[in-house]
Amino acid sequence: MTEILDEQTTRARVEALLLAAEEPLSLDRFRDALPTASAEALHKVLRALELEYAGPHRGIHLVRMSGGYQLRTNPDPEIGQAIRKLFETRPVRISRAAMEALAIIAYRQPLTRAEIDEIRGVNSSGVLQTLQEVQLIEVVGRLDDIGKPNLYGTTPRFLDFFGLESIGELPTLEASELQALIEMHNQLEHPEADVDIDHAPDELASPSDDQE
């Protein structure tokens, strides 16, 4: 015998369906998903949820649209502003030191931190961590040598950031790698990218490589 869902269970499942759905759900869709819930119970639960979510101090409302029901955010302008701020793209700030390390990696990848340190003449641990945090570089392997140090390379986001289809589109070097990368960046319009090349204290050189 098929068990009829009680009101509390029906309510929990209706809420879950509303949250998971990307489009308004008609009563028929609810009945397809909850065949043991009666039409009367579904109507009762949906009406109760409409009233509960209708208050001005609720962040979401249950609305009827396109022949169905859908959870929508409260149309209050202040709530809308908070949502827009949540999804704003935050500027990516890259110091001159980080840009220098990024240029070295972009043109010579893959290479270890020790190799980057040797080229730059300073310890690059901090800038490498920063570049990984903003997803412009990543560990692409390990060198087959003592300690098996990490090998660093650029990421797909690096290509997006600089408007490249592939790493082969990097400009031919006519100046330093750093200057080439900065000039390429300056030619792009990056509303989401803020490259700060003025405030970049370099770390002191360290002879040790990362052997993670």
Protein backbone atom coordinates (compact mmCIF):
# COMPACT_ATOMS: atom_id res chain seq x y z
CA MET A 1 0.00 0.00 0.00
CA THR A 2 1.35 3.41 -0.98
CA GLU A 3 1.93 5.69 1.98
CA ILE A 4 0.40 9.16 1.67
CA LEU A 5 2.84 11.90 2.67
CA ASP A 6 1.87 13.91 5.72
CA GLU A 7 1.81 17.71 5.54
CA GLN A 8 5.17 18.24 7.24
CA THR A 9 6.96 15.82 4.92
CA THR A 10 5.19 17.28 1.89
CA ARG A 11 6.28 20.77 2.91
CA ALA A 12 9.92 19.73 3.27
CA ARG A 13 9.96 18.10 -0.16
CA VAL A 14 8.14 20.98 -1.84
CA GLU A 15 10.70 23.43 -0.44
CA ALA A 16 13.54 21.24 -1.69
CA LEU A 17 12.02 21.06 -5.18
CA LEU A 18 11.52 24.82 -5.29
CA LEU A 19 15.11 25.42 -4.28
CA ALA A 20 16.50 22.94 -6.81
CA ALA A 21 14.36 24.06 -9.76
CA GLU A 22 15.73 26.54 -12.29
CA GLU A 23 12.28 27.38 -13.65
CA PRO A 24 8.75 27.76 -12.27
CA LEU A 25 7.20 24.45 -11.21
CA SER A 26 3.60 23.76 -12.14
CA LEU A 27 1.31 21.75 -9.91
CA ASP A 28 1.62 18.86 -12.37
CA ARG A 29 5.42 18.95 -11.99
CA PHE A 30 5.03 18.77 -8.22
CA ARG A 31 2.67 15.82 -8.55
CA ASP A 32 5.09 14.04 -10.89
CA ALA A 33 7.89 14.45 -8.37
CA LEU A 34 5.69 13.67 -5.35
CA PRO A 35 3.17 11.08 -6.55
CA THR A 36 2.14 10.14 -3.01
CA ALA A 37 1.21 13.72 -2.09
CA SER A 38 -2.40 14.64 -2.72
CA ALA A 39 -3.33 17.67 -4.82
CA GLU A 40 -5.08 19.12 -1.79
CA ALA A 41 -1.95 18.78 0.35
CA LEU A 42 0.20 20.39 -2.34
CA HIS A 43 -2.17 23.34 -2.66
CA LYS A 44 -2.23 23.77 1.11
CA VAL A 45 1.56 23.65 1.45
CA LEU A 46 2.16 26.04 -1.45
CA ARG A 47 -0.36 28.53 -0.08
CA ALA A 48 1.22 28.34 3.38
CA LEU A 49 4.68 28.94 1.91
CA GLU A 50 3.38 31.89 -0.13
CA LEU A 51 2.07 33.53 3.03
CA GLU A 52 5.17 32.71 5.07
CA TYR A 53 7.60 34.12 2.51
CA ALA A 54 5.44 37.16 1.70
CA GLY A 55 6.62 39.24 4.65
CA PRO A 56 8.71 42.36 3.91
CA HIS A 57 11.49 41.11 6.14
CA ARG A 58 11.98 37.84 4.26
CA GLY A 59 14.85 37.58 1.79
CA ILE A 60 12.96 35.29 -0.58
CA HIS A 61 9.38 35.18 -1.82
CA LEU A 62 7.38 32.37 -3.36
CA VAL A 63 5.75 33.79 -6.47
CA ARG A 64 3.39 32.46 -9.12
CA MET A 65 4.69 32.95 -12.64
CA SER A 66 4.51 31.23 -16.03
CA GLY A 67 1.86 28.86 -14.74
CA GLY A 68 3.95 27.66 -11.83
CA TYR A 69 5.68 28.53 -8.57
CA GLN A 70 9.22 29.78 -8.09
CA LEU A 71 11.35 31.11 -5.26
CA ARG A 72 12.60 34.62 -6.05
CA THR A 73 14.62 37.12 -4.09
CA ASN A 74 12.79 39.93 -2.33
CA PRO A 75 12.51 42.85 -4.82
CA ASP A 76 13.59 45.33 -2.14
CA PRO A 77 16.25 47.60 -3.78
CA GLU A 78 18.59 47.27 -0.80
CA ILE A 79 18.50 43.49 -1.06
CA GLY A 80 19.14 43.78 -4.79
CA GLN A 81 22.16 45.99 -4.11
CA ALA A 82 23.55 43.45 -1.62
CA ILE A 83 23.17 40.67 -4.21
CA ARG A 84 24.94 42.74 -6.88
CA LYS A 85 27.83 43.38 -4.50
CA LEU A 86 28.09 39.66 -3.81
CA PHE A 87 28.63 38.92 -7.49
CA GLU A 88 30.85 41.88 -8.30
CA THR A 89 34.19 40.86 -9.79
CA ARG A 90 36.88 41.95 -7.41
CA PRO A 91 39.97 43.58 -8.90
CA VAL A 92 43.02 41.37 -9.24
CA ARG A 93 45.93 43.31 -7.80
CA ILE A 94 49.37 42.25 -8.95
CA SER A 95 52.49 43.88 -7.57
CA ARG A 96 55.50 44.57 -9.75
CA ALA A 97 57.30 41.68 -8.03
CA ALA A 98 54.43 39.30 -8.79
CA MET A 99 54.19 40.54 -12.38
CA GLU A 100 57.92 39.96 -12.79
CA ALA A 101 57.64 36.37 -11.54
CA LEU A 102 54.55 35.82 -13.69
CA ALA A 103 56.39 37.03 -16.79
CA ILE A 104 59.30 34.69 -16.10
CA ILE A 105 56.93 31.74 -15.68
CA ALA A 106 54.87 32.64 -18.74
CA TYR A 107 57.88 32.76 -21.06
CA ARG A 108 60.01 29.97 -19.55
CA GLN A 109 57.53 27.49 -18.07
CA PRO A 110 57.70 25.02 -16.53
CA LEU A 111 60.31 25.96 -13.96
CA THR A 112 61.00 25.64 -10.24
CA ARG A 113 60.96 28.29 -7.57
CA ALA A 114 64.75 28.01 -7.31
CA GLU A 115 65.06 28.85 -11.00
CA ILE A 116 62.71 31.80 -10.59
CA ASP A 117 64.68 32.98 -7.55
CA GLU A 118 67.93 32.75 -9.51
CA ILE A 119 66.56 34.84 -12.37
CA ARG A 120 65.00 37.46 -10.09
CA GLY A 121 67.78 37.46 -7.51
CA VAL A 122 65.31 37.36 -4.61
CA ASN A 123 63.10 34.87 -2.79
CA SER A 124 59.87 34.36 -4.75
CA SER A 125 57.84 32.31 -2.25
CA GLY A 126 55.46 35.15 -1.40
CA VAL A 127 54.73 36.22 -4.96
CA LEU A 128 54.25 32.63 -6.10
CA GLN A 129 51.70 32.12 -3.35
CA THR A 130 49.91 35.30 -4.40
CA LEU A 131 49.85 34.25 -8.06
CA GLN A 132 48.45 30.86 -7.08
CA GLU A 133 45.76 32.48 -4.92
CA VAL A 134 44.53 34.56 -7.87
CA GLN A 135 44.76 31.46 -10.09
CA LEU A 136 47.24 32.85 -12.60
CA ILE A 137 49.80 30.07 -12.01
CA GLU A 138 49.65 26.51 -10.73
CA VAL A 139 51.87 23.56 -9.96
CA VAL A 140 52.09 21.59 -13.21
CA GLY A 141 54.44 18.84 -12.08
CA ARG A 142 57.63 18.06 -10.20
CA LEU A 143 61.22 18.15 -11.37
CA ASP A 144 62.84 14.72 -11.47
CA ASP A 145 65.69 15.76 -9.21
CA ILE A 146 66.65 15.68 -5.53
CA GLY A 147 63.66 16.71 -3.45
CA LYS A 148 61.38 16.73 -6.52
CA PRO A 149 60.64 20.48 -6.35
CA ASN A 150 57.42 21.86 -7.80
CA LEU A 151 57.30 23.03 -11.40
CA TYR A 152 55.16 26.11 -12.04
CA GLY A 153 53.21 27.06 -15.14
CA THR A 154 50.40 29.39 -16.14
CA THR A 155 46.68 28.57 -15.92
CA PRO A 156 43.68 28.95 -18.25
CA ARG A 157 42.77 32.03 -16.21
CA PHE A 158 46.12 33.56 -17.17
CA LEU A 159 45.08 33.27 -20.82
CA ASP A 160 41.69 34.85 -20.09
CA PHE A 161 43.30 37.61 -18.02
CA PHE A 162 45.60 38.63 -20.87
CA GLY A 163 43.15 37.93 -23.69
CA LEU A 164 45.09 35.03 -25.19
CA GLU A 165 43.85 31.91 -26.96
CA SER A 166 47.05 30.02 -26.15
CA ILE A 167 50.43 30.61 -24.57
CA GLY A 168 51.87 30.71 -28.09
CA GLU A 169 50.20 34.11 -28.56
CA LEU A 170 52.54 35.79 -26.08
CA PRO A 171 54.25 38.71 -27.84
CA THR A 172 57.73 38.19 -29.24
CA LEU A 173 60.30 39.53 -26.81
CA GLU A 174 61.77 42.85 -27.83
CA ALA A 175 62.35 44.00 -24.26
CA SER A 176 62.35 42.25 -20.91
CA GLU A 177 59.74 39.59 -20.20
CA LEU A 178 58.28 41.82 -17.50
CA GLN A 179 57.95 44.82 -19.80
CA ALA A 180 56.41 42.69 -22.54
CA LEU A 181 53.75 41.38 -20.18
CA ILE A 182 52.99 44.82 -18.73
CA GLU A 183 52.68 46.36 -22.20
CA MET A 184 50.38 43.56 -23.32
CA HIS A 185 48.21 44.06 -20.25
CA ASN A 186 48.07 47.82 -20.77
CA GLN A 187 46.76 47.30 -24.30
CA LEU A 188 43.76 45.42 -22.94
CA GLU A 189 40.69 46.83 -21.28
CA HIS A 190 40.41 44.96 -18.00
CA PRO A 191 37.68 46.47 -15.82
CA GLU A 192 38.23 43.56 -13.45
CA ALA A 193 42.01 43.70 -13.46
CA ASP A 194 43.99 46.22 -11.48
CA VAL A 195 47.74 45.79 -11.84
CA ASP A 196 49.67 47.70 -9.21
CA ILE A 197 53.33 47.92 -10.20
CA ASP A 198 54.37 50.62 -7.76
CA HIS A 199 54.24 48.94 -4.36
CA ALA A 200 56.14 45.70 -4.46
CA PRO A 201 58.66 44.98 -1.73
CA ASP A 202 60.77 42.01 -2.83
CA GLU A 203 61.58 39.28 -0.35
CA LEU A 204 65.17 38.56 0.62
CA ALA A 205 66.83 35.83 -1.37
CA SER A 206 66.76 32.32 0.04
CA PRO A 207 68.93 29.45 -1.22
CA SER A 208 66.34 26.77 -0.46
CA ASP A 209 63.77 25.52 -2.95
CA ASP A 210 60.25 24.37 -2.10
CA GLN A 211 60.14 20.61 -1.79
CA GLU A 212 56.46 20.13 -1.15
